[in-house]
Amino acid sequence: MQLIKSALQSFILGGDNTDIALLEKVIHPQFQNIQDGFFGKKGIYVFDKTDYINLVRNKTFGGKPRTINFISIEEQENIAIAKLELESLDLKFCSTIICVCEDGHWQIINNTVRVE
């Protein structure tokens, strides 16, 4: 369970600190970020790994520290589903994050987020 939590924290801190190297390591190649709304625009938005990292690199996403509240983590062999609340000074995020373990390494394969 600690390795899953570590992967989740790396993903979050990678975004908060604009740490592209850390994100490259912790995000799975088939990653998807799915969110309801995008900076005031309505609708469902889906970003793959490249798009997500570019949004962080360009500081559209991230760059601000957030507190992490782990609501739950459910591990099922090589898949884990985590529910988290992340809060910065400006925004609160409710995220469901799916992690997968391949070759002994946990990575983030999906982040489904709702901004409150």
Protein backbone atom coordinates (compact mmCIF):
# COMPACT_ATOMS: atom_id res chain seq x y z
CA MET A 1 0.00 0.00 0.00
CA GLN A 2 2.89 2.37 0.74
CA LEU A 3 4.24 2.02 -2.82
CA ILE A 4 0.83 3.03 -4.19
CA LYS A 5 0.68 6.04 -1.86
CA SER A 6 4.20 7.00 -2.91
CA ALA A 7 3.23 6.91 -6.61
CA LEU A 8 0.17 9.07 -5.89
CA GLN A 9 2.23 11.59 -3.93
CA SER A 10 4.84 11.72 -6.73
CA PHE A 11 2.10 12.41 -9.28
CA ILE A 12 0.64 15.22 -7.20
CA LEU A 13 3.99 16.75 -6.23
CA GLY A 14 5.18 16.50 -9.83
CA GLY A 15 2.30 18.74 -10.86
CA ASP A 16 2.57 21.06 -7.87
CA ASN A 17 6.31 21.58 -8.41
CA THR A 18 6.29 21.46 -12.23
CA ASP A 19 8.67 18.49 -11.99
CA ILE A 20 8.46 17.08 -15.51
CA ALA A 21 11.06 14.35 -14.87
CA LEU A 22 9.04 13.04 -11.93
CA LEU A 23 5.82 13.08 -13.97
CA GLU A 24 7.49 11.25 -16.87
CA LYS A 25 8.50 8.51 -14.42
CA VAL A 26 5.21 8.11 -12.53
CA ILE A 27 2.70 8.53 -15.40
CA HIS A 28 1.96 5.39 -17.43
CA PRO A 29 2.38 5.65 -21.24
CA GLN A 30 -1.39 5.00 -21.72
CA PHE A 31 -2.38 7.67 -19.19
CA GLN A 32 -5.61 9.65 -19.49
CA ASN A 33 -6.70 12.69 -17.52
CA ILE A 34 -10.47 13.11 -17.67
CA GLN A 35 -12.11 16.18 -16.22
CA ASP A 36 -15.49 17.81 -16.14
CA GLY A 37 -14.85 21.38 -17.26
CA PHE A 38 -11.72 23.25 -18.22
CA PHE A 39 -11.16 26.72 -16.73
CA GLY A 40 -14.77 27.83 -16.96
CA LYS A 41 -15.57 25.89 -20.12
CA LYS A 42 -18.22 23.20 -19.75
CA GLY A 43 -17.87 19.66 -21.02
CA ILE A 44 -15.69 16.61 -20.65
CA TYR A 45 -12.00 17.08 -21.46
CA VAL A 46 -9.57 14.20 -21.99
CA PHE A 47 -5.79 14.60 -22.08
CA ASP A 48 -3.21 11.92 -22.78
CA LYS A 49 0.23 11.76 -21.13
CA THR A 50 1.89 14.12 -23.61
CA ASP A 51 -0.89 16.70 -23.41
CA TYR A 52 -1.01 16.54 -19.61
CA ILE A 53 2.74 16.97 -19.21
CA ASN A 54 2.70 19.89 -21.67
CA LEU A 55 -0.10 21.54 -19.66
CA VAL A 56 2.06 21.22 -16.54
CA ARG A 57 5.22 22.37 -18.38
CA ASN A 58 3.36 25.46 -19.66
CA LYS A 59 1.94 26.03 -16.15
CA THR A 60 -1.66 25.73 -17.31
CA PHE A 61 -1.90 22.93 -14.73
CA GLY A 62 -0.06 22.80 -11.43
CA GLY A 63 2.59 25.06 -10.06
CA LYS A 64 0.75 25.56 -6.77
CA PRO A 65 1.09 23.40 -3.67
CA ARG A 66 -1.95 21.39 -2.64
CA THR A 67 -2.83 19.52 0.50
CA ILE A 68 -3.59 15.84 -0.01
CA ASN A 69 -6.45 14.10 1.76
CA PHE A 70 -6.52 10.35 1.04
CA ILE A 71 -10.19 9.32 1.22
CA SER A 72 -9.58 5.69 0.24
CA ILE A 73 -7.19 3.37 -1.57
CA GLU A 74 -8.42 -0.01 -2.76
CA GLU A 75 -5.79 -2.44 -4.05
CA GLN A 76 -6.78 -5.35 -6.28
CA GLU A 77 -3.59 -7.22 -7.23
CA ASN A 78 -1.94 -5.00 -9.90
CA ILE A 79 -4.62 -2.30 -9.94
CA ALA A 80 -5.37 0.27 -7.27
CA ILE A 81 -8.17 2.82 -7.14
CA ALA A 82 -7.66 5.89 -4.97
CA LYS A 83 -10.05 8.65 -4.06
CA LEU A 84 -8.41 11.90 -3.01
CA GLU A 85 -9.25 15.49 -2.22
CA LEU A 86 -6.61 18.01 -3.21
CA GLU A 87 -6.84 21.62 -2.15
CA SER A 88 -4.80 24.69 -3.06
CA LEU A 89 -5.44 28.26 -2.01
CA ASP A 90 -7.61 28.71 -5.11
CA LEU A 91 -9.22 25.36 -5.94
CA LYS A 92 -10.43 22.06 -4.53
CA PHE A 93 -10.16 18.88 -6.59
CA CYS A 94 -11.97 15.59 -6.07
CA SER A 95 -9.97 12.92 -7.89
CA THR A 96 -10.34 9.24 -8.59
CA ILE A 97 -6.91 7.98 -9.60
CA ILE A 98 -6.22 4.52 -11.01
CA CYS A 99 -2.75 3.07 -10.58
CA VAL A 100 -1.30 -0.02 -12.23
CA CYS A 101 1.70 -2.09 -11.22
CA GLU A 102 3.94 -3.33 -14.02
CA ASP A 103 7.38 -4.82 -13.44
CA GLY A 104 7.09 -3.98 -9.76
CA HIS A 105 6.50 -0.25 -10.34
CA TRP A 106 3.24 1.57 -9.62
CA GLN A 107 2.23 4.21 -12.16
CA ILE A 108 -0.76 6.47 -12.68
CA ILE A 109 -2.85 5.37 -15.65
CA ASN A 110 -5.98 7.46 -15.10
CA ASN A 111 -6.89 10.63 -13.25
CA THR A 112 -10.58 11.53 -13.28
CA VAL A 113 -11.05 14.88 -11.63
CA ARG A 114 -13.84 17.23 -10.70
CA VAL A 115 -13.01 20.78 -9.70
CA GLU A 116 -15.18 22.29 -6.98
